[in-house]
Amino acid sequence: MIYKVEETHLTIAHIKRIYEEAVMHIALTKEIQIDLSAVKKVDSSGIATVISWWQHAGHQGVKCTFVYSPVVKEAFSSYHLKLPEDPKET
């Protein structure tokens, strides 16, 4: 299953709805790709949300992969965090 985040801002102002939508999708499948390619702005709450999705999926036994926009990749890099593998780069 692919869940595409249509919101361009993965920030505190939008995070609750985005987080809940992804969690609902995770509950419906055994494998999910969360597509963040449309994200143009991300803050620390957005980074925390991506990590939370990954952890939540793992606890549910769901394989979770991500497609990242350059902005999301840069945000993780600026915090010296390692991203889960980008399936488009394998």
Protein backbone atom coordinates (compact mmCIF):
# COMPACT_ATOMS: atom_id res chain seq x y z
CA MET A 1 0.00 0.00 0.00
CA ILE A 2 1.19 3.52 -0.75
CA TYR A 3 0.20 6.42 1.46
CA LYS A 4 1.06 9.72 -0.22
CA VAL A 5 1.32 12.73 2.06
CA GLU A 6 -0.27 15.48 -0.04
CA GLU A 7 0.43 18.21 2.53
CA THR A 8 3.51 20.22 1.56
CA HIS A 9 4.29 21.24 5.15
CA LEU A 10 5.27 18.49 7.58
CA THR A 11 5.19 20.96 10.48
CA ILE A 12 3.61 21.34 13.90
CA ALA A 13 0.61 23.17 12.42
CA HIS A 14 -0.40 20.16 10.30
CA ILE A 15 1.19 17.19 12.03
CA LYS A 16 -1.72 15.77 14.06
CA ARG A 17 -3.96 15.12 11.05
CA ILE A 18 -1.10 13.82 8.89
CA TYR A 19 0.13 11.52 11.64
CA GLU A 20 -3.31 10.06 12.29
CA GLU A 21 -3.99 9.45 8.58
CA ALA A 22 -0.76 7.50 8.18
CA VAL A 23 -1.39 5.45 11.34
CA MET A 24 -4.82 4.47 9.97
CA HIS A 25 -3.18 3.32 6.72
CA ILE A 26 -0.52 1.37 8.63
CA ALA A 27 -3.29 -0.48 10.47
CA LEU A 28 -4.78 -1.68 7.16
CA THR A 29 -1.76 -3.43 5.69
CA LYS A 30 1.36 -5.53 6.23
CA GLU A 31 3.53 -3.38 3.97
CA ILE A 32 3.37 0.37 3.41
CA GLN A 33 5.31 2.98 1.52
CA ILE A 34 4.87 6.49 2.90
CA ASP A 35 5.49 8.96 0.10
CA LEU A 36 6.83 12.29 1.34
CA SER A 37 7.93 13.52 -2.09
CA ALA A 38 5.51 16.49 -2.02
CA VAL A 39 6.88 17.85 1.28
CA LYS A 40 8.50 21.26 0.83
CA LYS A 41 8.91 22.25 4.49
CA VAL A 42 9.65 20.16 7.57
CA ASP A 43 10.38 21.03 11.18
CA SER A 44 11.46 18.93 14.17
CA SER A 45 7.89 17.74 14.76
CA GLY A 46 7.85 16.44 11.17
CA ILE A 47 11.07 14.54 11.74
CA ALA A 48 9.69 13.10 14.98
CA THR A 49 6.56 12.03 13.10
CA VAL A 50 8.51 10.15 10.42
CA ILE A 51 10.46 8.31 13.13
CA SER A 52 7.22 7.61 15.00
CA TRP A 53 5.57 6.13 11.88
CA TRP A 54 8.56 3.88 11.34
CA GLN A 55 8.50 2.71 14.97
CA HIS A 56 4.72 2.27 15.01
CA ALA A 57 4.81 0.20 11.84
CA GLY A 58 7.57 -1.98 13.26
CA HIS A 59 5.62 -2.60 16.46
CA GLN A 60 2.61 -3.62 14.32
CA GLY A 61 4.72 -5.99 12.20
CA VAL A 62 4.29 -3.77 9.13
CA LYS A 63 7.16 -3.28 6.68
CA CYS A 64 7.48 0.48 6.24
CA THR A 65 9.48 2.29 3.58
CA PHE A 66 9.60 5.93 2.61
CA VAL A 67 10.01 8.11 -0.46
CA TYR A 68 11.61 11.38 0.61
CA SER A 69 11.65 14.82 -0.90
CA PRO A 70 15.05 16.57 -0.95
CA VAL A 71 13.78 18.84 1.84
CA VAL A 72 13.04 15.89 4.13
CA LYS A 73 16.43 14.35 3.39
CA GLU A 74 18.15 17.65 4.20
CA ALA A 75 16.20 18.03 7.46
CA PHE A 76 17.29 14.59 8.66
CA SER A 77 20.85 15.32 7.60
CA SER A 78 20.91 18.61 9.50
CA TYR A 79 20.01 16.70 12.69
CA HIS A 80 22.61 13.99 11.87
CA LEU A 81 19.88 11.35 11.67
CA LYS A 82 19.93 8.34 9.39
CA LEU A 83 16.89 7.87 7.16
CA PRO A 84 15.28 4.50 6.57
CA GLU A 85 16.35 3.27 3.13
CA ASP A 86 14.79 5.11 0.19
CA PRO A 87 13.33 2.38 -2.09
CA LYS A 88 14.02 4.48 -5.21
CA GLU A 89 17.77 4.42 -4.48
CA THR A 90 18.17 0.63 -4.20
